Structure formats: C-alpha cells, structure tokens
Amino acid sequence: MQPDVSLVDPLEYNLATRNNAGDAIIRTAALFPDRIAIIDGDRQISYRELAEMIDRLGHALLGLGLEPGTPVGLTMMNSWRVLVAYFACARAGLVCMPLNFLLGADDQAWILQDSQPSAIITDSAFRQLHDQLLPGVASIQHVVVSDEDAPEPIAGLPTHGWQGLVEGAPDGPLAVLVDDRAAVQCLYTSGTTSRPKGVLVSHNSLVTALLSNALATRQSWGPNPTRMLVVLPMFHVTALNTLSMPTLLMGGTVLLVGMAFDPVRSLDAMEQHRATHTMMLPLMHRACVAEQANRARDLTSVTTAIYAMAPMPAELLDAVDELYPEADVILGSGQTEVVPATVMQWPEHRRSAPDSWGPQVPTVHVRTMAPDGELQGPGGTGEIVYRGPNVQLGYWNNPQANAEAFAHGWFHSGDIGHVDEQGVVWFTDRLKDIIKSGGENVSSVAVEAVVLGTPGVAECVVVGVPHEKWGEAVCAVVVADGTVPAEQLEAAVVSRAKERLAGFQVPKEVRVVDELPKTATGKILKKVVRDSLG
C-alpha cells in the first residue's frame, strides 16, 4: 500500500517526512536552544547559534552555485567549523567529504581527481598544499577559507572568507529537497588496496548509526547531557560519526582540545568541563595515565572510557580503570564502510572477555562466512560480514570493489574472526594484511611499492608487528640485491619512505634477511614472516 500524495508539493512532503542528518541537529536545537553544543578552546557555541550557522552556511554554499549531490571537500583541523560545514552540506543536499591531510600528496591528488568536488573548505594552514593540488581539478568552482576574512585567491580560484560568506547569506531555515537515501558523506579509506576508496553513506544510514551509537555508549536524552571529549582527527569516521555527532543528536556537549593530541590539555579539559565520555587509542590512554601520575586531576565525572583501533594489554587496562575510577572501560570497533561502531563491549566484558570485540550493536547484524558464502555457526571462523542500515551505499566509482564487498547479500569486512555462543565477536586476523598503526589503516601494498623502489632492495614484504605505543608498527622485511651494504639499506629505505609516504605509513623498523618464505608459485607468505617477527 502507498499513499496518494500527488496533490502535495514535493518539497513540503520531503521536509515533513525525511530522515536528514542535518535536520537532526535542528530538532535538538529547537528543544535545547541555550545548551552549549560545542566547546572549542575558549569558544562556546549554543545549539541556537549552531543551528543558525548551519543554515546560513548551507544557504551560502548553494548561493555559490553548487549543485546538490556534488561533493564538498573539507581540509580542516579539528574545530567547531568542521561540524557546521558538515551539517550545512547535509541540509543543502551536498555530500560532505572530509579529507585526510596526513596522506601523502600523491594520494590526496588522486582523491580529488577521483571525487571531483565542487568546492573546498579549508584552513589557511593548507594554502600551500592547495596551491599545489587544486590546479589540476577542473570540477572545483570555489574555495572557502575558514579562518581568514579576505583571503587571497588559492590556485587562481574564486576564494571566499568563511565569516563574510556566512554573514552575507540569507537568514532563515534552509529548505531543499533531499532524499533519505542520498549520500550525505564520502570518506576515503585506504583499505587493503594501493589506492584509497570513496565510501558513500546515506542520510538513513548515518542517522540510524548515530542513534545506535548513542544507545551503545549509554548517552542520556533529557536533563543529564553527555559531555564528550574528542581527541581523534575529525576527518576520521570515529571522531565524526561515533563520537561528535551522536553527542549533538542527543543534546550533549562536544569538547574539542586542538588537532594534535596532548595528554595535558585532554586531562585538564576533562576535569574543567566534567567530561562524561571519551574515546582514545591505547597509546593516548597510556600517555594520559603517565600525565595523571605527574599531576592528579579529578576525573570522577567520566562514566565511559572507550578504546579502539588496537587491543590494550592487561596492565594498561588496569591503569585506565584507576585513571577513571567511575568509568566503564570498553572496546569499540568497526570500519568506515559500516558506520561504526559495529560491535562494542558491554561493561561486563571488561573482565569476562577483555580480548573480544564485544557483541554487535542494535542496528548491525554480524556473522562470519566461509569463502563459498556459507554462513558459519557459533564458534565457526570465517570472514566477518555485516548486514543492516549502517552499511554504506557503496564505493564511489569502483564497481568491482562493490561486487566483491556485497557478495552473497552481506557486506564483507576483510577481517577474520568468529562469533561465540553468547554473540560476542572475536577478531583473529586481517584477511588482506591491513596494518592498523596508531589509529590509521596502512596498506602494506602501498608501502611495499615504495620500498621496492629503493636502490639495493631486491625483494620486500611489509607486515604489522605488535608495538606498545602504536598497537602495530609497520615493519619492512627486505632482501638486499648486493649493490648497497646491508648496514646502509635500513636508512635508505626509511629515507625513501619519508619522501613518498605519510608519516604513519613509514616503516618503524626495517629488517634485512637472506630470503623470504614463499609458496610453490612464488607468493611471499606474509603470515610466516609476521609470526617469525613475534
């Protein structure tokens, strides 16, 4: 059955019934207009001000002639402006595309060419980068500089200051027809390939995931709002979709303390603003434990302390328990393609299953699958696969990747593990040897391509090895060709990698060996190499 809405104006019907990520913040602002939505250093922004800026910027972007459905790139440090820009794009029917500026220039240039954004919103700190990258991207019509009133042109393009653009925009609600299934964001992820892939997520998926995350992290709706400290970079899905946006959806406060993680600033902010929630990488939690030993703060307001990207050793888990004496310390996990979190420990798993990923969240169905597409029962090891509204629309401009990802009616994660009788997910290994180092996904293939270009290297394999600080460290194992002394080869490999790769992709360790283990067909056995390194 379907209603006959032929006499209803399409825009009015859309506004009345749609599920739009930007509308979610407007609703929250209507109920809590005077609450503080974001604290960014000395700047405090109420929900009323946030909603007004979202619609003004949305009006301004459309006023520049940007077409709904086209991507808008964000090259920005963590700030309140990232969230305003995101929700303005959502309300305007544009696709928000936060860009990882820590990637190498070659990857960033490739992403711009692949996505063809209509505009770039950037900080002035990236002027030189954009002067280098933007001239070759014909689709870009405008550049907006977030922190300059009258910026000089970037790459010869029309360049606008954020403040003037917003002040000159119409005042009032932004009303644009936006379909629920339309893409709201595009995040590029390295995955296991040598080139990043653009992950498209719909409004429906995002709003569902935000509500699921709020529930999974036990955020309250009403008189006791969450105060979420965000220290991860906001070009990552975790900081955006798992932490910041659910907090704003629920009427809480997002606490920002700058781009570069600093345990002093982080702990001071938690104490000053009585933070209730935070998520950090294990290396960040360790730094906070050390800083608390230097100068103790009152952190009894923290009720949920999440860690992600890598497991934490028992001694560090115990130390984090002491750091946040009133908090549940839990692991959350997921991936960009299935808006995280997809799984999250319950508080009891801290003791009963600390090495697990925890059970699925309410909006994601998790199973494991054999290579032939057969679903595994409890305890059966296979590829971890997902179903549910959190799952992406698909990869941009990559039909082959989509065919592989959605085979057998499930989304394929590329991870190996099992689900036990209690529904708890246990991760075993990467299906294609992705390395997770310091919260970043590192493609071993991309690093190998650079290392193999080093004079003196005959063969190379790149694997992740356990590391106390980074979770995993990138390790290059090479066979010398005899033209360069072995003692000089390590420095040469690292030097070449630093010239051509992002910092997190550069090998932390280089080992020179006589030969690499191979199959009968000559394929290098990465698992054997990894196991030999411990």
Protein backbone atom coordinates (compact mmCIF):
# COMPACT_ATOMS: atom_id res chain seq x y z
CA MET A 1 0.00 0.00 0.00
CA GLN A 2 1.17 3.52 -0.81
CA PRO A 3 -0.47 6.90 -0.09
CA ASP A 4 -1.57 9.15 -2.94
CA VAL A 5 0.47 12.32 -2.39
CA SER A 6 0.10 13.67 -5.89
CA LEU A 7 -1.60 16.81 -4.55
CA VAL A 8 1.20 17.51 -2.06
CA ASP A 9 4.07 19.79 -3.01
CA PRO A 10 7.16 17.51 -3.33
CA LEU A 11 9.38 19.80 -1.26
CA GLU A 12 6.80 20.15 1.50
CA TYR A 13 6.29 16.39 1.60
CA ASN A 14 10.06 15.83 1.75
CA LEU A 15 10.53 18.33 4.58
CA ALA A 16 7.72 16.74 6.60
CA THR A 17 8.82 13.11 6.26
CA ARG A 18 12.53 12.86 5.53
CA ASN A 19 15.37 11.48 7.62
CA ASN A 20 18.11 14.09 7.13
CA ALA A 21 21.29 14.19 9.20
CA GLY A 22 21.27 17.99 9.29
CA ASP A 23 17.62 18.12 10.40
CA ALA A 24 18.57 16.06 13.44
CA ILE A 25 20.61 18.96 14.82
CA ILE A 26 17.87 21.48 14.04
CA ARG A 27 15.44 19.34 16.08
CA THR A 28 17.83 19.19 19.02
CA ALA A 29 18.36 22.95 18.86
CA ALA A 30 14.61 23.53 18.99
CA LEU A 31 14.41 21.68 22.31
CA PHE A 32 17.68 22.82 23.88
CA PRO A 33 18.47 26.21 22.26
CA ASP A 34 20.51 27.58 25.14
CA ARG A 35 22.53 24.48 25.90
CA ILE A 36 26.19 24.52 24.91
CA ALA A 37 26.68 22.28 21.89
CA ILE A 38 30.43 22.70 21.34
CA ILE A 39 33.31 23.93 23.46
CA ASP A 40 36.36 24.59 21.31
CA GLY A 41 39.08 26.17 23.43
CA ASP A 42 37.67 29.49 24.63
CA ARG A 43 34.76 29.40 22.16
CA GLN A 44 31.40 28.11 23.39
CA ILE A 45 28.61 27.61 20.86
CA SER A 46 25.00 27.12 21.87
CA TYR A 47 22.57 24.95 19.95
CA ARG A 48 20.73 28.07 18.80
CA GLU A 49 23.93 29.54 17.33
CA LEU A 50 24.93 26.18 15.83
CA ALA A 51 21.59 25.80 14.03
CA GLU A 52 21.72 29.36 12.70
CA MET A 53 25.26 28.93 11.36
CA ILE A 54 24.41 25.59 9.74
CA ASP A 55 21.57 27.10 7.71
CA ARG A 56 23.45 30.28 6.87
CA LEU A 57 26.42 28.34 5.53
CA GLY A 58 24.10 26.00 3.64
CA HIS A 59 22.41 28.99 2.00
CA ALA A 60 25.84 30.45 1.19
CA LEU A 61 27.14 27.27 -0.47
CA LEU A 62 24.07 26.95 -2.65
CA GLY A 63 24.36 30.66 -3.39
CA LEU A 64 27.77 29.97 -4.93
CA GLY A 65 26.03 27.79 -7.48
CA LEU A 66 26.99 24.39 -6.04
CA GLU A 67 24.71 21.65 -7.30
CA PRO A 68 23.00 19.31 -4.78
CA GLY A 69 24.55 15.86 -4.85
CA THR A 70 28.07 17.09 -5.54
CA PRO A 71 30.87 16.66 -3.00
CA VAL A 72 32.38 19.46 -0.93
CA GLY A 73 35.88 18.70 0.34
CA LEU A 74 36.92 19.70 3.87
CA THR A 75 40.62 20.10 4.59
CA MET A 76 40.36 21.30 8.16
CA MET A 77 41.87 20.84 11.58
CA ASN A 78 39.55 19.81 14.41
CA SER A 79 37.25 22.75 15.13
CA TRP A 80 33.60 23.70 15.53
CA ARG A 81 33.62 24.77 11.88
CA VAL A 82 34.02 21.14 10.73
CA LEU A 83 30.68 20.26 12.30
CA VAL A 84 28.95 23.38 10.98
CA ALA A 85 30.25 22.65 7.47
CA TYR A 86 29.17 19.01 7.64
CA PHE A 87 25.60 19.71 8.71
CA ALA A 88 25.31 22.64 6.30
CA CYS A 89 26.16 20.26 3.47
CA ALA A 90 23.61 17.77 4.77
CA ARG A 91 20.82 20.35 4.88
CA ALA A 92 21.78 21.69 1.44
CA GLY A 93 21.80 18.25 -0.20
CA LEU A 94 25.56 18.35 -0.77
CA VAL A 95 27.93 15.47 0.00
CA CYS A 96 30.42 16.31 2.75
CA MET A 97 33.88 14.89 2.09
CA PRO A 98 36.38 15.37 4.95
CA LEU A 99 39.89 14.87 3.58
CA ASN A 100 42.75 13.17 5.38
CA PHE A 101 45.51 15.76 5.03
CA LEU A 102 48.01 13.37 6.64
CA LEU A 103 48.07 11.28 3.48
CA GLY A 104 50.85 11.82 1.01
CA ALA A 105 50.32 14.49 -1.63
CA ASP A 106 50.02 11.83 -4.35
CA ASP A 107 47.10 10.11 -2.61
CA GLN A 108 45.42 13.44 -1.86
CA ALA A 109 45.71 14.46 -5.51
CA TRP A 110 44.27 11.12 -6.59
CA ILE A 111 41.29 11.50 -4.23
CA LEU A 112 40.50 14.96 -5.63
CA GLN A 113 40.69 13.68 -9.19
CA ASP A 114 38.54 10.66 -8.38
CA SER A 115 35.83 12.53 -6.45
CA GLN A 116 35.72 15.77 -8.47
CA PRO A 117 34.49 18.05 -5.66
CA SER A 118 32.61 21.24 -6.49
CA ALA A 119 34.24 23.24 -3.67
CA ILE A 120 36.86 23.04 -0.95
CA ILE A 121 36.50 24.41 2.58
CA THR A 122 39.93 24.71 4.15
CA ASP A 123 42.05 26.29 6.85
CA SER A 124 44.65 28.85 5.83
CA ALA A 125 47.38 26.46 7.06
CA PHE A 126 46.73 24.35 3.94
CA ARG A 127 47.09 27.17 1.41
CA GLN A 128 50.40 25.90 0.05
CA LEU A 129 49.04 22.35 -0.25
CA HIS A 130 46.01 23.52 -2.21
CA ASP A 131 48.04 25.79 -4.44
CA GLN A 132 49.85 22.58 -5.40
CA LEU A 133 46.86 20.20 -5.68
CA LEU A 134 43.87 22.19 -6.94
CA PRO A 135 45.01 23.47 -10.35
CA GLY A 136 44.55 20.02 -11.87
CA VAL A 137 40.99 19.52 -10.54
CA ALA A 138 38.62 21.02 -13.11
CA SER A 139 35.46 20.46 -11.06
CA ILE A 140 36.36 22.86 -8.24
CA GLN A 141 34.45 26.12 -8.58
CA HIS A 142 35.12 27.80 -5.22
CA VAL A 143 37.41 27.71 -2.20
CA VAL A 144 36.28 28.84 1.26
CA VAL A 145 38.95 29.70 3.84
CA SER A 146 37.68 29.12 7.36
CA ASP A 147 39.94 31.48 9.31
CA GLU A 148 40.59 34.46 7.01
CA ASP A 149 38.20 37.34 6.33
CA ALA A 150 39.60 38.39 2.94
CA PRO A 151 41.79 35.56 1.65
CA GLU A 152 44.00 35.83 -1.39
CA PRO A 153 42.95 33.51 -4.25
CA ILE A 154 44.06 29.90 -3.91
CA ALA A 155 45.17 28.16 -7.12
CA GLY A 156 43.62 31.02 -9.09
CA LEU A 157 40.10 30.03 -7.98
CA PRO A 158 37.35 32.26 -6.52
CA THR A 159 38.25 32.26 -2.83
CA HIS A 160 35.96 33.41 -0.01
CA GLY A 161 36.33 34.05 3.70
CA TRP A 162 34.02 31.95 5.89
CA GLN A 163 32.80 34.82 8.04
CA GLY A 164 31.87 37.10 5.17
CA LEU A 165 30.19 34.27 3.30
CA VAL A 166 28.04 33.35 6.30
CA GLU A 167 27.17 36.94 7.21
CA GLY A 168 26.08 37.68 3.66
CA ALA A 169 23.85 34.60 3.40
CA PRO A 170 20.05 34.69 3.81
CA ASP A 171 18.73 34.39 7.34
CA GLY A 172 16.14 31.69 7.86
CA PRO A 173 15.53 27.95 7.52
CA LEU A 174 17.15 26.16 4.62
CA ALA A 175 14.55 24.20 2.63
CA VAL A 176 15.99 21.90 -0.03
CA LEU A 177 14.58 18.58 -1.23
CA VAL A 178 16.98 15.85 -0.08
CA ASP A 179 16.23 12.15 -0.42
CA ASP A 180 16.78 9.90 2.61
CA ARG A 181 18.85 7.50 0.52
CA ALA A 182 21.02 10.24 -0.96
CA ALA A 183 24.67 10.27 0.06
CA VAL A 184 25.49 12.62 2.92
CA GLN A 185 29.20 11.86 3.25
CA CYS A 186 32.12 10.43 1.32
CA LEU A 187 35.12 9.30 3.34
CA TYR A 188 38.12 7.83 1.57
CA THR A 189 39.71 4.83 3.19
CA SER A 190 42.92 3.10 2.17
CA GLY A 191 41.53 -0.35 2.91
CA THR A 192 43.78 -3.08 1.54
CA THR A 193 44.41 -1.58 -1.88
CA SER A 194 47.13 0.75 -3.05
CA ARG A 195 44.59 3.48 -3.81
CA PRO A 196 42.02 4.94 -1.40
CA LYS A 197 38.34 4.09 -1.93
CA GLY A 198 35.49 6.59 -1.51
CA VAL A 199 32.86 5.28 0.92
CA LEU A 200 29.40 6.77 0.34
CA VAL A 201 26.98 6.81 3.26
CA SER A 202 23.31 7.84 3.09
CA HIS A 203 21.33 10.06 5.45
CA ASN A 204 19.33 7.00 6.54
CA SER A 205 22.46 5.03 7.39
CA LEU A 206 24.06 7.89 9.24
CA VAL A 207 21.10 8.89 11.40
CA THR A 208 20.45 5.25 12.29
CA ALA A 209 24.09 4.79 13.26
CA LEU A 210 24.12 7.97 15.36
CA LEU A 211 21.15 6.77 17.41
CA SER A 212 22.71 3.31 17.73
CA ASN A 213 25.99 4.82 18.95
CA ALA A 214 24.19 6.99 21.48
CA LEU A 215 22.48 3.87 22.82
CA ALA A 216 25.62 1.72 22.80
CA THR A 217 27.60 4.36 24.71
CA ARG A 218 24.73 4.97 27.14
CA GLN A 219 24.15 8.62 26.37
CA SER A 220 21.11 10.20 28.02
CA TRP A 221 18.27 12.20 26.48
CA GLY A 222 16.99 14.85 28.81
CA PRO A 223 18.35 16.63 31.86
CA ASN A 224 21.79 14.97 32.12
CA PRO A 225 23.56 15.63 28.82
CA THR A 226 26.73 13.86 27.75
CA ARG A 227 29.99 15.81 27.63
CA MET A 228 32.17 14.04 25.07
CA LEU A 229 35.90 14.78 24.80
CA VAL A 230 37.00 14.31 21.17
CA VAL A 231 40.74 13.98 20.55
CA LEU A 232 40.79 11.93 17.33
CA PRO A 233 41.00 13.73 13.97
CA MET A 234 37.62 14.74 12.57
CA PHE A 235 38.44 13.58 9.05
CA HIS A 236 38.06 10.07 10.50
CA VAL A 237 34.73 8.29 10.80
CA THR A 238 35.26 7.66 14.53
CA ALA A 239 35.57 11.27 15.62
CA LEU A 240 32.75 12.35 13.32
CA ASN A 241 30.16 9.58 13.33
CA THR A 242 30.89 7.64 16.50
CA LEU A 243 31.66 10.45 18.93
CA SER A 244 30.76 14.01 17.92
CA MET A 245 27.51 13.59 16.01
CA PRO A 246 25.70 11.21 18.40
CA THR A 247 26.50 13.63 21.22
CA LEU A 248 24.96 16.55 19.31
CA LEU A 249 21.96 14.46 18.29
CA MET A 250 21.29 13.79 21.99
CA GLY A 251 21.73 17.39 23.14
CA GLY A 252 25.14 16.90 24.71
CA THR A 253 28.35 18.91 24.51
CA VAL A 254 31.34 18.13 22.27
CA LEU A 255 34.66 19.14 23.86
CA LEU A 256 37.48 19.92 21.39
CA VAL A 257 41.07 20.47 22.51
CA GLY A 258 43.01 21.03 19.30
CA MET A 259 44.26 18.84 16.49
CA ALA A 260 47.41 17.31 17.93
CA PHE A 261 46.75 15.03 20.90
CA ASP A 262 48.12 16.41 24.15
CA PRO A 263 47.50 14.50 27.40
CA VAL A 264 47.87 17.66 29.48
CA ARG A 265 45.19 19.55 27.54
CA SER A 266 42.98 16.48 27.41
CA LEU A 267 43.03 15.77 31.13
CA ASP A 268 42.67 19.45 32.00
CA ALA A 269 39.62 19.73 29.73
CA MET A 270 38.04 16.61 31.22
CA GLU A 271 38.44 18.00 34.72
CA GLN A 272 37.38 21.57 33.87
CA HIS A 273 34.28 20.64 31.88
CA ARG A 274 33.37 17.49 33.83
CA ALA A 275 33.57 15.23 30.78
CA THR A 276 31.44 12.08 30.94
CA HIS A 277 32.73 10.24 27.86
CA THR A 278 35.89 9.90 25.84
CA MET A 279 37.44 7.57 23.28
CA MET A 280 41.17 7.24 22.75
CA LEU A 281 43.70 4.96 21.14
CA PRO A 282 45.65 2.78 23.57
CA LEU A 283 48.77 4.94 23.14
CA MET A 284 46.70 8.00 24.11
CA HIS A 285 45.30 6.30 27.20
CA ARG A 286 48.86 5.35 28.18
CA ALA A 287 50.01 8.96 27.82
CA CYS A 288 47.10 10.13 29.99
CA VAL A 289 47.97 7.58 32.68
CA ALA A 290 51.54 8.90 32.75
CA GLU A 291 50.40 12.53 32.88
CA GLN A 292 47.94 11.84 35.70
CA ALA A 293 50.88 10.46 37.69
CA ASN A 294 52.65 13.80 37.20
CA ARG A 295 49.65 15.89 38.29
CA ALA A 296 46.44 14.34 39.51
CA ARG A 297 43.08 15.63 38.27
CA ASP A 298 39.56 14.86 39.44
CA LEU A 299 38.24 12.58 36.67
CA THR A 300 35.34 11.08 38.59
CA SER A 301 32.87 12.63 36.14
CA VAL A 302 33.95 10.18 33.41
CA THR A 303 31.46 7.31 33.15
CA THR A 304 32.52 5.78 29.81
CA ALA A 305 36.11 5.45 28.58
CA ILE A 306 36.33 3.72 25.20
CA TYR A 307 39.42 2.46 23.46
CA ALA A 308 39.66 1.50 19.82
CA MET A 309 41.84 0.55 16.84
CA ALA A 310 44.02 -1.85 18.85
CA PRO A 311 43.82 -4.06 21.95
CA MET A 312 45.16 -2.87 25.27
CA PRO A 313 47.38 -5.06 27.46
CA ALA A 314 46.02 -6.05 30.86
CA GLU A 315 48.36 -3.76 32.78
CA LEU A 316 47.22 -0.74 30.77
CA LEU A 317 43.56 -1.66 31.18
CA ASP A 318 44.09 -1.80 34.93
CA ALA A 319 45.80 1.61 34.87
CA VAL A 320 42.93 3.14 32.87
CA ASP A 321 40.48 1.70 35.41
CA GLU A 322 42.37 3.64 38.07
CA LEU A 323 42.54 6.76 35.92
CA TYR A 324 38.76 6.87 35.57
CA PRO A 325 37.52 5.31 38.83
CA GLU A 326 33.81 5.74 38.00
CA ALA A 327 34.01 4.69 34.34
CA ASP A 328 33.28 1.58 32.32
CA VAL A 329 36.36 0.91 30.19
CA ILE A 330 35.25 -0.80 26.97
CA LEU A 331 36.43 -1.59 23.45
CA GLY A 332 34.52 -0.43 20.38
CA SER A 333 35.27 -1.42 16.80
CA GLY A 334 34.05 -1.00 13.24
CA GLN A 335 35.02 0.30 9.85
CA THR A 336 34.21 3.26 7.62
CA GLU A 337 32.04 1.18 5.29
CA VAL A 338 29.63 0.17 8.08
CA VAL A 339 29.22 3.37 10.07
CA PRO A 340 30.89 2.47 13.37
CA ALA A 341 30.52 1.23 15.92
CA THR A 342 29.51 -2.16 14.55
CA VAL A 343 30.45 -4.01 17.72
CA MET A 344 31.07 -2.78 21.25
CA GLN A 345 31.85 -4.47 24.52
CA TRP A 346 29.37 -4.35 27.34
CA PRO A 347 30.80 -3.32 30.74
CA GLU A 348 30.92 -6.94 31.95
CA HIS A 349 33.22 -7.86 29.05
CA ARG A 350 35.96 -5.81 30.66
CA ARG A 351 36.54 -8.85 32.90
CA SER A 352 34.81 -11.74 31.15
CA ALA A 353 36.02 -11.15 27.56
CA PRO A 354 38.58 -8.32 27.51
CA ASP A 355 40.24 -9.59 24.31
CA SER A 356 36.97 -9.69 22.38
CA TRP A 357 35.32 -7.04 20.21
CA GLY A 358 32.09 -7.44 22.18
CA PRO A 359 28.65 -8.14 20.65
CA GLN A 360 27.02 -6.42 17.67
CA VAL A 361 25.28 -3.06 18.19
CA PRO A 362 21.47 -2.98 17.82
CA THR A 363 21.44 -1.89 14.17
CA VAL A 364 24.09 -4.24 12.77
CA HIS A 365 23.85 -7.99 12.18
CA VAL A 366 27.25 -9.68 12.45
CA ARG A 367 28.07 -13.18 11.22
CA THR A 368 31.10 -15.00 9.85
CA MET A 369 31.20 -16.51 6.37
CA ALA A 370 33.23 -19.20 4.65
CA PRO A 371 34.85 -18.42 1.28
CA ASP A 372 31.97 -20.19 -0.53
CA GLY A 373 29.39 -17.87 1.02
CA GLU A 374 28.22 -20.33 3.70
CA LEU A 375 27.40 -18.61 7.00
CA GLN A 376 29.21 -20.08 10.00
CA GLY A 377 27.55 -21.11 13.23
CA PRO A 378 28.73 -20.10 16.71
CA GLY A 379 32.46 -20.60 17.01
CA GLY A 380 32.98 -21.02 13.27
CA THR A 381 35.91 -19.00 11.97
CA GLY A 382 35.40 -17.06 8.76
CA GLU A 383 35.29 -13.59 7.29
CA ILE A 384 33.33 -11.16 9.44
CA VAL A 385 30.34 -9.93 7.43
CA TYR A 386 27.66 -7.33 8.16
CA ARG A 387 24.05 -6.53 7.35
CA GLY A 388 21.92 -3.60 8.43
CA PRO A 389 21.18 0.08 7.87
CA ASN A 390 24.69 1.14 8.95
CA VAL A 391 26.14 -0.36 5.76
CA GLN A 392 27.41 2.06 3.12
CA LEU A 393 25.64 2.79 -0.16
CA GLY A 394 28.78 1.59 -1.90
CA TYR A 395 32.19 2.70 -3.09
CA TRP A 396 32.34 5.69 -5.41
CA ASN A 397 33.48 4.97 -8.95
CA ASN A 398 34.53 1.40 -8.14
CA PRO A 399 32.07 -1.23 -9.42
CA GLN A 400 34.47 -4.14 -8.98
CA ALA A 401 35.03 -3.32 -5.32
CA ASN A 402 31.25 -3.12 -4.83
CA ALA A 403 30.72 -6.51 -6.48
CA GLU A 404 33.22 -8.07 -4.09
CA ALA A 405 32.03 -6.20 -1.00
CA PHE A 406 28.34 -7.13 -1.32
CA ALA A 407 28.72 -10.75 -2.47
CA HIS A 408 26.16 -13.22 -1.05
CA GLY A 409 23.99 -10.39 0.30
CA TRP A 410 26.32 -9.35 3.12
CA PHE A 411 28.98 -6.67 3.39
CA HIS A 412 32.43 -8.25 3.56
CA SER A 413 34.71 -6.63 6.13
CA GLY A 414 38.03 -8.21 5.12
CA ASP A 415 38.53 -9.28 8.76
CA ILE A 416 38.70 -12.84 10.06
CA GLY A 417 37.14 -13.98 13.32
CA HIS A 418 34.30 -15.88 14.97
CA VAL A 419 31.13 -15.20 16.94
CA ASP A 420 30.72 -17.26 20.11
CA GLU A 421 27.58 -18.76 21.66
CA GLN A 422 26.86 -15.51 23.52
CA GLY A 423 27.07 -13.43 20.34
CA VAL A 424 30.44 -11.94 21.28
CA VAL A 425 32.69 -11.24 18.27
CA TRP A 426 36.33 -12.34 18.39
CA PHE A 427 38.79 -10.92 15.88
CA THR A 428 41.57 -13.19 14.62
CA ASP A 429 43.46 -11.57 11.76
CA ARG A 430 43.25 -9.30 8.71
CA LEU A 431 42.06 -11.02 5.60
CA LYS A 432 44.38 -8.99 3.37
CA ASP A 433 47.10 -7.91 5.76
CA ILE A 434 45.97 -4.41 6.53
CA ILE A 435 48.13 -2.83 9.23
CA LYS A 436 46.45 -0.71 11.93
CA SER A 437 49.07 1.63 13.35
CA GLY A 438 48.22 4.48 15.70
CA GLY A 439 44.60 4.53 14.54
CA GLU A 440 45.46 4.65 10.82
CA ASN A 441 44.88 1.90 8.27
CA VAL A 442 48.11 1.28 6.38
CA SER A 443 48.09 -0.58 3.06
CA SER A 444 51.06 -2.95 3.04
CA VAL A 445 50.90 -3.00 -0.77
CA ALA A 446 51.34 0.78 -0.99
CA VAL A 447 54.34 0.72 1.35
CA GLU A 448 55.88 -2.24 -0.47
CA ALA A 449 55.67 -0.37 -3.76
CA VAL A 450 57.77 2.46 -2.32
CA VAL A 451 60.26 0.23 -0.52
CA LEU A 452 60.86 -1.86 -3.62
CA GLY A 453 61.97 1.30 -5.43
CA THR A 454 64.86 1.76 -3.03
CA PRO A 455 68.26 1.09 -4.66
CA GLY A 456 69.68 -2.06 -3.16
CA VAL A 457 66.32 -3.78 -2.43
CA ALA A 458 65.63 -6.98 -4.36
CA GLU A 459 62.51 -8.18 -2.56
CA CYS A 460 60.28 -6.76 0.14
CA VAL A 461 57.32 -7.65 2.31
CA VAL A 462 55.60 -5.23 4.73
CA VAL A 463 53.75 -6.52 7.78
CA GLY A 464 52.46 -5.21 11.08
CA VAL A 465 54.25 -6.22 14.26
CA PRO A 466 52.98 -5.68 17.82
CA HIS A 467 54.03 -2.33 19.26
CA GLU A 468 53.37 -0.96 22.74
CA LYS A 469 52.74 2.62 21.59
CA TRP A 470 51.18 2.25 18.12
CA GLY A 471 49.28 -1.01 18.53
CA GLU A 472 51.01 -2.25 15.42
CA ALA A 473 54.17 -0.92 13.83
CA VAL A 474 54.90 -1.02 10.12
CA CYS A 475 57.84 -3.34 9.53
CA ALA A 476 59.59 -3.77 6.19
CA VAL A 477 61.47 -7.02 5.67
CA VAL A 478 63.80 -6.78 2.68
CA VAL A 479 66.23 -8.92 0.72
CA ALA A 480 69.29 -7.00 -0.48
CA ASP A 481 70.49 -7.23 -4.07
CA GLY A 482 74.13 -6.78 -3.06
CA THR A 483 74.64 -3.35 -4.59
CA VAL A 484 74.26 -1.47 -1.31
CA PRO A 485 75.83 -2.51 2.00
CA ALA A 486 73.20 -4.07 4.28
CA GLU A 487 74.06 -1.66 7.09
CA GLN A 488 73.11 1.29 4.86
CA LEU A 489 69.96 -0.24 3.47
CA GLU A 490 67.76 0.39 6.52
CA ALA A 491 68.40 4.14 6.45
CA ALA A 492 67.88 4.25 2.68
CA VAL A 493 64.50 2.52 2.92
CA VAL A 494 63.28 4.87 5.66
CA SER A 495 64.55 7.94 3.82
CA ARG A 496 62.74 6.99 0.61
CA ALA A 497 59.55 6.20 2.51
CA LYS A 498 59.59 9.57 4.29
CA GLU A 499 59.82 11.31 0.91
CA ARG A 500 56.86 9.46 -0.60
CA LEU A 501 54.53 8.36 2.18
CA ALA A 502 52.55 9.83 5.04
CA GLY A 503 54.27 9.64 8.41
CA PHE A 504 52.06 6.83 9.70
CA GLN A 505 52.94 4.72 6.63
CA VAL A 506 56.73 4.96 7.07
CA PRO A 507 58.25 1.71 8.41
CA LYS A 508 59.17 1.94 12.06
CA GLU A 509 61.51 -1.00 11.57
CA VAL A 510 63.47 -2.42 8.63
CA ARG A 511 64.99 -5.90 8.71
CA VAL A 512 67.39 -7.27 6.11
CA VAL A 513 67.16 -11.05 5.54
CA ASP A 514 68.76 -13.53 3.18
CA GLU A 515 65.47 -14.80 1.76
CA LEU A 516 61.70 -14.61 2.20
CA PRO A 517 59.43 -17.65 2.66
CA LYS A 518 57.33 -18.32 -0.43
CA THR A 519 54.69 -20.66 -1.75
CA ALA A 520 55.41 -23.00 -4.64
CA THR A 521 54.15 -20.34 -7.00
CA GLY A 522 56.48 -17.70 -5.59
CA LYS A 523 53.99 -15.82 -3.42
CA ILE A 524 55.53 -14.46 -0.24
CA LEU A 525 54.00 -15.97 2.90
CA LYS A 526 53.21 -12.89 4.95
CA LYS A 527 51.82 -14.82 7.89
CA VAL A 528 55.07 -16.79 8.21
CA VAL A 529 57.04 -13.54 8.11
CA ARG A 530 54.76 -11.93 10.69
CA ASP A 531 54.94 -14.93 13.02
CA SER A 532 58.74 -15.00 12.79
CA LEU A 533 58.88 -11.39 13.98
CA GLY A 534 56.74 -12.10 17.03
